[in-house]
Amino acid sequence: MADGAINIDLKLKSDKFNREIKESSKLVNEFGSNAGEKLDKAFKENTDKAINKAKLTKLS
């Protein structure tokens, strides 16, 4: 059994590679942007709907 190492050299066009890294980084950073505010808004909307439905049920 032989022990060894393999080295792989990649040649990339730096301008394209750097642009793709920046775009990927931006996507990851923006993934959770405003998530808390959207959650709060959705929660309030759904609780308001539940309250209104309960009021209508009580009146029936």
N, C-alpha and C. Protein backbone atom coordinates (compact mmCIF):
# COMPACT_ATOMS: atom_id res chain seq x y z
N MET A 1 0.85 -1.18 0.00
CA MET A 1 0.00 0.00 0.00
C MET A 1 0.90 1.24 0.00
N ALA A 2 0.60 2.14 -0.89
CA ALA A 2 1.43 3.34 -1.01
C ALA A 2 0.72 4.54 -0.41
N ASP A 3 1.47 5.34 0.29
CA ASP A 3 0.95 6.61 0.79
C ASP A 3 1.44 7.71 -0.13
N GLY A 4 0.56 8.61 -0.42
CA GLY A 4 0.97 9.69 -1.31
C GLY A 4 0.05 10.86 -1.21
N ALA A 5 0.32 11.84 -1.98
CA ALA A 5 -0.50 13.06 -2.01
C ALA A 5 -0.73 13.43 -3.46
N ILE A 6 -1.86 14.00 -3.68
CA ILE A 6 -2.20 14.50 -5.01
C ILE A 6 -2.43 15.99 -4.89
N ASN A 7 -1.75 16.73 -5.69
CA ASN A 7 -1.95 18.19 -5.73
C ASN A 7 -2.70 18.54 -7.00
N ILE A 8 -3.75 19.32 -6.84
CA ILE A 8 -4.53 19.77 -7.99
C ILE A 8 -4.45 21.28 -8.05
N ASP A 9 -3.96 21.80 -9.15
CA ASP A 9 -3.88 23.23 -9.34
C ASP A 9 -5.04 23.66 -10.24
N LEU A 10 -5.73 24.69 -9.83
CA LEU A 10 -6.82 25.23 -10.63
C LEU A 10 -6.43 26.59 -11.17
N LYS A 11 -6.74 26.80 -12.41
CA LYS A 11 -6.53 28.11 -12.99
C LYS A 11 -7.89 28.73 -13.24
N LEU A 12 -8.16 29.82 -12.57
CA LEU A 12 -9.45 30.48 -12.69
C LEU A 12 -9.25 31.91 -13.17
N LYS A 13 -10.20 32.39 -13.90
CA LYS A 13 -10.17 33.79 -14.30
C LYS A 13 -10.57 34.60 -13.09
N SER A 14 -9.66 35.37 -12.57
CA SER A 14 -9.88 36.05 -11.29
C SER A 14 -11.06 37.01 -11.31
N ASP A 15 -11.29 37.71 -12.41
CA ASP A 15 -12.40 38.67 -12.44
C ASP A 15 -13.75 37.95 -12.33
N LYS A 16 -13.91 36.87 -13.06
CA LYS A 16 -15.16 36.10 -13.01
C LYS A 16 -15.30 35.41 -11.66
N PHE A 17 -14.23 34.83 -11.16
CA PHE A 17 -14.24 34.12 -9.90
C PHE A 17 -14.59 35.07 -8.75
N ASN A 18 -13.97 36.23 -8.71
CA ASN A 18 -14.24 37.21 -7.66
C ASN A 18 -15.68 37.71 -7.72
N ARG A 19 -16.20 37.92 -8.91
CA ARG A 19 -17.58 38.37 -9.08
C ARG A 19 -18.55 37.31 -8.55
N GLU A 20 -18.29 36.05 -8.85
CA GLU A 20 -19.16 34.97 -8.38
C GLU A 20 -19.10 34.83 -6.86
N ILE A 21 -17.93 35.03 -6.28
CA ILE A 21 -17.81 34.99 -4.82
C ILE A 21 -18.60 36.12 -4.19
N LYS A 22 -18.51 37.31 -4.75
CA LYS A 22 -19.25 38.46 -4.22
C LYS A 22 -20.75 38.24 -4.33
N GLU A 23 -21.22 37.70 -5.46
CA GLU A 23 -22.65 37.44 -5.64
C GLU A 23 -23.14 36.38 -4.66
N SER A 24 -22.35 35.34 -4.47
CA SER A 24 -22.72 34.29 -3.51
C SER A 24 -22.76 34.84 -2.10
N SER A 25 -21.80 35.66 -1.75
CA SER A 25 -21.75 36.25 -0.41
C SER A 25 -22.95 37.16 -0.19
N LYS A 26 -23.31 37.95 -1.19
CA LYS A 26 -24.46 38.84 -1.09
C LYS A 26 -25.74 38.03 -0.90
N LEU A 27 -25.88 36.95 -1.63
CA LEU A 27 -27.06 36.10 -1.52
C LEU A 27 -27.19 35.52 -0.12
N VAL A 28 -26.10 35.03 0.42
CA VAL A 28 -26.12 34.45 1.77
C VAL A 28 -26.44 35.52 2.81
N ASN A 29 -25.86 36.70 2.66
CA ASN A 29 -26.10 37.77 3.63
C ASN A 29 -27.53 38.28 3.59
N GLU A 30 -28.14 38.29 2.41
CA GLU A 30 -29.50 38.81 2.28
C GLU A 30 -30.56 37.76 2.55
N PHE A 31 -30.16 36.52 2.72
CA PHE A 31 -31.12 35.43 2.89
C PHE A 31 -32.06 35.68 4.06
N GLY A 32 -31.56 36.13 5.18
CA GLY A 32 -32.40 36.36 6.35
C GLY A 32 -32.80 37.80 6.56
N SER A 33 -32.53 38.64 5.58
CA SER A 33 -32.83 40.06 5.71
C SER A 33 -34.31 40.31 5.93
N ASN A 34 -34.64 41.04 6.96
CA ASN A 34 -36.02 41.41 7.32
C ASN A 34 -36.88 40.22 7.73
N ALA A 35 -36.26 39.08 8.00
CA ALA A 35 -37.04 37.89 8.36
C ALA A 35 -37.83 38.12 9.65
N GLY A 36 -37.23 38.79 10.62
CA GLY A 36 -37.91 39.04 11.89
C GLY A 36 -39.12 39.94 11.71
N GLU A 37 -38.98 40.98 10.90
CA GLU A 37 -40.09 41.90 10.65
C GLU A 37 -41.22 41.18 9.91
N LYS A 38 -40.87 40.35 8.94
CA LYS A 38 -41.89 39.61 8.20
C LYS A 38 -42.61 38.63 9.10
N LEU A 39 -41.87 38.00 10.02
CA LEU A 39 -42.48 37.06 10.96
C LEU A 39 -43.45 37.79 11.88
N ASP A 40 -43.03 38.95 12.40
CA ASP A 40 -43.91 39.73 13.27
C ASP A 40 -45.19 40.14 12.56
N LYS A 41 -45.05 40.58 11.32
CA LYS A 41 -46.22 41.01 10.54
C LYS A 41 -47.16 39.84 10.29
N ALA A 42 -46.61 38.71 9.88
CA ALA A 42 -47.44 37.53 9.61
C ALA A 42 -48.13 37.06 10.89
N PHE A 43 -47.43 37.08 12.01
CA PHE A 43 -48.01 36.65 13.28
C PHE A 43 -49.17 37.55 13.67
N LYS A 44 -48.98 38.87 13.53
CA LYS A 44 -50.05 39.82 13.88
C LYS A 44 -51.26 39.62 12.97
N GLU A 45 -51.02 39.45 11.67
CA GLU A 45 -52.13 39.25 10.74
C GLU A 45 -52.92 37.99 11.09
N ASN A 46 -52.22 36.93 11.41
CA ASN A 46 -52.91 35.68 11.74
C ASN A 46 -53.63 35.75 13.08
N THR A 47 -53.06 36.42 14.06
CA THR A 47 -53.77 36.55 15.34
C THR A 47 -54.99 37.45 15.19
N ASP A 48 -54.88 38.49 14.37
CA ASP A 48 -56.04 39.35 14.12
C ASP A 48 -57.17 38.56 13.46
N LYS A 49 -56.81 37.69 12.50
CA LYS A 49 -57.82 36.85 11.85
C LYS A 49 -58.49 35.92 12.86
N ALA A 50 -57.69 35.35 13.75
CA ALA A 50 -58.24 34.44 14.76
C ALA A 50 -59.17 35.18 15.71
N ILE A 51 -58.80 36.39 16.10
CA ILE A 51 -59.64 37.20 17.00
C ILE A 51 -60.96 37.53 16.32
N ASN A 52 -60.89 37.97 15.06
CA ASN A 52 -62.11 38.30 14.32
C ASN A 52 -63.01 37.09 14.14
N LYS A 53 -62.42 35.93 13.85
CA LYS A 53 -63.22 34.71 13.69
C LYS A 53 -63.87 34.32 15.02
N ALA A 54 -63.15 34.51 16.11
CA ALA A 54 -63.71 34.19 17.42
C ALA A 54 -64.88 35.12 17.74
N LYS A 55 -64.74 36.40 17.40
CA LYS A 55 -65.83 37.35 17.64
C LYS A 55 -67.06 36.99 16.83
N LEU A 56 -66.85 36.60 15.56
CA LEU A 56 -67.98 36.21 14.72
C LEU A 56 -68.64 34.94 15.22
N THR A 57 -67.86 34.02 15.71
CA THR A 57 -68.41 32.78 16.27
C THR A 57 -69.23 33.06 17.52
N LYS A 58 -68.73 33.98 18.35
CA LYS A 58 -69.43 34.34 19.58
C LYS A 58 -70.78 34.99 19.26
N LEU A 59 -70.83 35.78 18.19
CA LEU A 59 -72.07 36.48 17.83
C LEU A 59 -73.09 35.53 17.19
N SER A 60 -72.65 34.45 16.66
CA SER A 60 -73.56 33.51 15.96
C SER A 60 -74.45 32.76 16.91
